[in-house]
Amino acid sequence: MTVANTRPGLNTAPSILLVTDEIRLPDPLEAMGILPPGAGVLLRHYGTDQRRNMAKAVAALARRRRLVLIVAGDWRLAAELGAEGVHLPEGLARHGLLAGALGWVRRRRRLLLIACHGAMALGRARNLEADAALLSPVFPTASHPGAACIGPVRFGLWARRAGLPIIALGGMSKRHLRRLPRGTAAGMAAIGSLSGC
């Protein structure tokens, strides 16, 4: 699977993205060991006291395995680690607290990924010139039990109108990726279902 980024001059987001999670994947290092070179790791360990130590270990392994490291919500940590990009949660993108993150992304020519849960958020991501949006939850997911899902039809509609590459997140697996309308997903992100990618 490759990412089709049709906007010239921009970076290309990885088409396979492992998302770390303090509860479901407290130690992502083993999961990183099965990723192919060029896959991405989205470091989301927000609440742990050991985030900086975890981040350093993740960054070192990502370099050794030639993985693309994206740090969620903290462009300063991303810069310190030499990460390839930053991921902004939808709320942060919505409230406009972005000057530092956007400045770092543009000066250093790094990736900008933005979390989106609806069509309006995708519009904001496009306006911010994100390299990709993570659209979720596409299918039922253990991360957010009982949450309303986007589903394949709405995912396809929103992705076609988005104007930027869309990475599917939420209950994703190879089987679920095949259920999405052809050509609408630039990739998939998951916490627990990336084995064999």
Protein backbone atom coordinates (compact mmCIF):
# COMPACT_ATOMS: atom_id res chain seq x y z
CA MET A 1 0.00 0.00 0.00
CA THR A 2 1.36 3.44 -0.87
CA VAL A 3 0.17 6.91 0.00
CA ALA A 4 -0.94 8.99 -2.95
CA ASN A 5 -0.17 12.58 -1.95
CA THR A 6 -1.17 14.70 -4.91
CA ARG A 7 -0.09 18.04 -3.43
CA PRO A 8 3.45 18.72 -4.70
CA GLY A 9 6.18 19.73 -2.28
CA LEU A 10 4.63 18.09 0.76
CA ASN A 11 5.88 15.17 2.77
CA THR A 12 4.24 11.80 2.48
CA ALA A 13 2.76 10.20 5.58
CA PRO A 14 3.41 6.50 6.19
CA SER A 15 0.66 4.18 4.96
CA ILE A 16 0.98 1.93 8.03
CA LEU A 17 0.93 3.64 11.40
CA LEU A 18 1.25 1.99 14.82
CA VAL A 19 -0.48 4.12 17.46
CA THR A 20 0.86 3.79 20.99
CA ASP A 21 -1.55 3.68 23.91
CA GLU A 22 -0.77 3.71 27.64
CA ILE A 23 -3.43 1.10 28.42
CA ARG A 24 -3.71 -1.17 25.37
CA LEU A 25 -0.05 -0.97 24.31
CA PRO A 26 1.92 0.27 27.33
CA ASP A 27 5.25 -0.92 25.88
CA PRO A 28 5.20 -0.37 22.10
CA LEU A 29 8.76 -1.58 21.51
CA GLU A 30 7.79 -5.20 20.82
CA ALA A 31 5.03 -4.14 18.40
CA MET A 32 7.51 -1.85 16.62
CA GLY A 33 9.70 -4.90 16.00
CA ILE A 34 7.22 -6.36 13.48
CA LEU A 35 6.74 -3.18 11.45
CA PRO A 36 8.33 -2.98 8.01
CA PRO A 37 10.84 -0.20 7.30
CA GLY A 38 9.01 3.00 6.32
CA ALA A 39 6.03 2.30 8.56
CA GLY A 40 5.18 4.91 11.15
CA VAL A 41 4.91 5.06 14.92
CA LEU A 42 2.58 7.63 16.47
CA LEU A 43 3.75 8.18 20.05
CA ARG A 44 0.59 9.04 22.00
CA HIS A 45 1.65 8.16 25.55
CA TYR A 46 0.19 11.38 26.98
CA GLY A 47 -0.48 10.54 30.61
CA THR A 48 2.50 8.51 31.72
CA ASP A 49 5.07 10.03 34.05
CA GLN A 50 7.72 8.23 32.04
CA ARG A 51 6.73 9.75 28.67
CA ARG A 52 10.15 11.28 27.99
CA ASN A 53 11.98 8.01 28.78
CA MET A 54 9.49 6.02 26.68
CA ALA A 55 9.86 8.56 23.87
CA LYS A 56 13.64 8.24 23.86
CA ALA A 57 13.45 4.43 23.69
CA VAL A 58 10.84 4.58 20.92
CA ALA A 59 12.93 7.12 18.96
CA ALA A 60 16.08 5.00 19.23
CA LEU A 61 14.30 1.87 18.01
CA ALA A 62 12.56 3.82 15.22
CA ARG A 63 15.94 5.03 13.96
CA ARG A 64 17.43 1.51 14.06
CA ARG A 65 14.42 -0.01 12.24
CA ARG A 66 13.99 2.91 9.80
CA LEU A 67 10.51 3.75 11.06
CA VAL A 68 8.86 7.16 10.78
CA LEU A 69 8.37 8.67 14.26
CA ILE A 70 5.46 11.06 14.79
CA VAL A 71 4.94 12.59 18.25
CA ALA A 72 1.41 13.45 19.32
CA GLY A 73 0.60 16.83 20.81
CA ASP A 74 4.14 18.02 21.64
CA TRP A 75 6.21 19.57 18.88
CA ARG A 76 9.00 20.40 21.35
CA LEU A 77 9.39 16.73 22.25
CA ALA A 78 9.23 15.87 18.54
CA ALA A 79 12.03 18.35 17.86
CA GLU A 80 14.11 17.03 20.78
CA LEU A 81 13.80 13.46 19.51
CA GLY A 82 14.49 14.34 15.88
CA ALA A 83 11.03 13.00 14.95
CA GLU A 84 9.78 13.17 11.39
CA GLY A 85 6.58 14.91 12.41
CA VAL A 86 3.93 15.93 14.86
CA HIS A 87 0.32 14.79 15.27
CA LEU A 88 -2.26 17.26 16.54
CA PRO A 89 -5.36 16.04 18.36
CA GLU A 90 -8.56 17.48 16.86
CA GLY A 91 -9.21 19.74 19.87
CA LEU A 92 -5.80 21.36 19.60
CA ALA A 93 -6.28 21.96 15.87
CA ARG A 94 -9.79 23.34 16.49
CA HIS A 95 -8.70 25.84 19.13
CA GLY A 96 -5.82 27.23 17.13
CA LEU A 97 -2.96 26.75 19.61
CA LEU A 98 -0.68 25.93 16.73
CA ALA A 99 1.89 28.65 16.09
CA GLY A 100 4.84 26.75 17.59
CA ALA A 101 3.90 23.41 16.04
CA LEU A 102 3.21 24.86 12.60
CA GLY A 103 6.40 26.92 12.70
CA TRP A 104 8.48 23.84 13.53
CA VAL A 105 6.76 21.72 10.86
CA ARG A 106 7.30 24.31 8.15
CA ARG A 107 10.83 25.37 9.10
CA ARG A 108 12.06 21.79 9.43
CA ARG A 109 9.91 20.39 6.61
CA ARG A 110 8.34 17.82 8.92
CA LEU A 111 5.07 15.90 8.67
CA LEU A 112 1.87 17.35 10.10
CA LEU A 113 -0.88 14.84 10.89
CA ILE A 114 -4.20 15.89 12.41
CA ALA A 115 -6.84 13.78 14.14
CA CYS A 116 -10.32 14.22 12.67
CA HIS A 117 -13.70 12.83 13.67
CA GLY A 118 -15.91 14.53 11.09
CA ALA A 119 -16.15 16.56 7.89
CA MET A 120 -15.57 19.94 9.56
CA ALA A 121 -12.37 18.71 11.18
CA LEU A 122 -11.18 17.45 7.79
CA GLY A 123 -11.76 20.95 6.41
CA ARG A 124 -9.63 22.44 9.19
CA ALA A 125 -6.87 19.89 8.50
CA ARG A 126 -6.91 20.84 4.81
CA ASN A 127 -6.78 24.56 5.68
CA LEU A 128 -3.79 23.94 7.95
CA GLU A 129 -2.10 22.14 5.03
CA ALA A 130 -1.75 18.89 6.95
CA ASP A 131 0.13 16.12 5.19
CA ALA A 132 -2.58 13.66 6.26
CA ALA A 133 -5.58 13.33 8.54
CA LEU A 134 -6.33 10.37 10.79
CA LEU A 135 -10.08 9.89 10.45
CA SER A 136 -11.73 7.88 13.23
CA PRO A 137 -13.41 5.80 14.45
CA VAL A 138 -14.10 4.05 11.18
CA PHE A 139 -15.23 0.75 12.76
CA PRO A 140 -16.04 -0.31 16.34
CA THR A 141 -12.91 -0.17 18.45
CA ALA A 142 -11.80 -1.34 21.87
CA SER A 143 -10.25 2.10 22.44
CA HIS A 144 -13.68 3.76 22.47
CA PRO A 145 -16.29 1.10 23.23
CA GLY A 146 -19.79 2.10 22.15
CA ALA A 147 -18.65 5.17 20.19
CA ALA A 148 -20.55 5.99 17.00
CA CYS A 149 -18.60 4.78 13.96
CA ILE A 150 -18.10 6.52 10.64
CA GLY A 151 -18.51 3.35 8.57
CA PRO A 152 -17.25 2.62 5.05
CA VAL A 153 -19.79 4.70 3.08
CA ARG A 154 -19.35 7.92 5.05
CA PHE A 155 -15.58 7.35 5.21
CA GLY A 156 -15.47 7.16 1.41
CA LEU A 157 -17.62 10.27 0.98
CA TRP A 158 -15.59 12.36 3.41
CA ALA A 159 -12.25 11.08 2.11
CA ARG A 160 -13.13 11.95 -1.50
CA ARG A 161 -14.04 15.50 -0.48
CA ALA A 162 -11.19 16.02 2.00
CA GLY A 163 -8.51 17.34 -0.36
CA LEU A 164 -5.73 15.57 1.56
CA PRO A 165 -4.65 11.98 2.25
CA ILE A 166 -6.79 10.17 4.83
CA ILE A 167 -5.48 7.47 7.15
CA ALA A 168 -8.21 5.20 8.55
CA LEU A 169 -8.20 4.64 12.32
CA GLY A 170 -10.55 2.77 14.61
CA GLY A 171 -11.07 -0.99 14.47
CA MET A 172 -8.72 -1.24 11.53
CA SER A 173 -7.28 -4.47 10.14
CA LYS A 174 -6.34 -5.58 6.64
CA ARG A 175 -9.84 -7.05 6.27
CA HIS A 176 -11.51 -3.80 7.35
CA LEU A 177 -9.23 -1.77 5.09
CA ARG A 178 -10.55 -3.79 2.12
CA ARG A 179 -14.11 -2.80 3.10
CA LEU A 180 -13.40 0.89 2.48
CA PRO A 181 -14.22 2.30 -0.97
CA ARG A 182 -11.33 1.80 -3.36
CA GLY A 183 -8.81 4.65 -3.42
CA THR A 184 -10.18 6.51 -0.39
CA ALA A 185 -7.75 5.41 2.34
CA ALA A 186 -4.14 6.49 2.03
CA GLY A 187 -3.30 4.07 4.80
CA MET A 188 -4.36 2.62 8.12
CA ALA A 189 -3.46 3.20 11.74
CA ALA A 190 -4.06 0.84 14.63
CA ILE A 191 -3.04 -0.02 18.15
CA GLY A 192 -3.37 -3.78 18.14
CA SER A 193 -4.02 -5.16 14.64
CA LEU A 194 -0.89 -4.45 12.62
CA SER A 195 0.63 -7.91 12.68
CA GLY A 196 1.48 -9.18 9.24
CA CYS A 197 1.37 -5.77 7.54
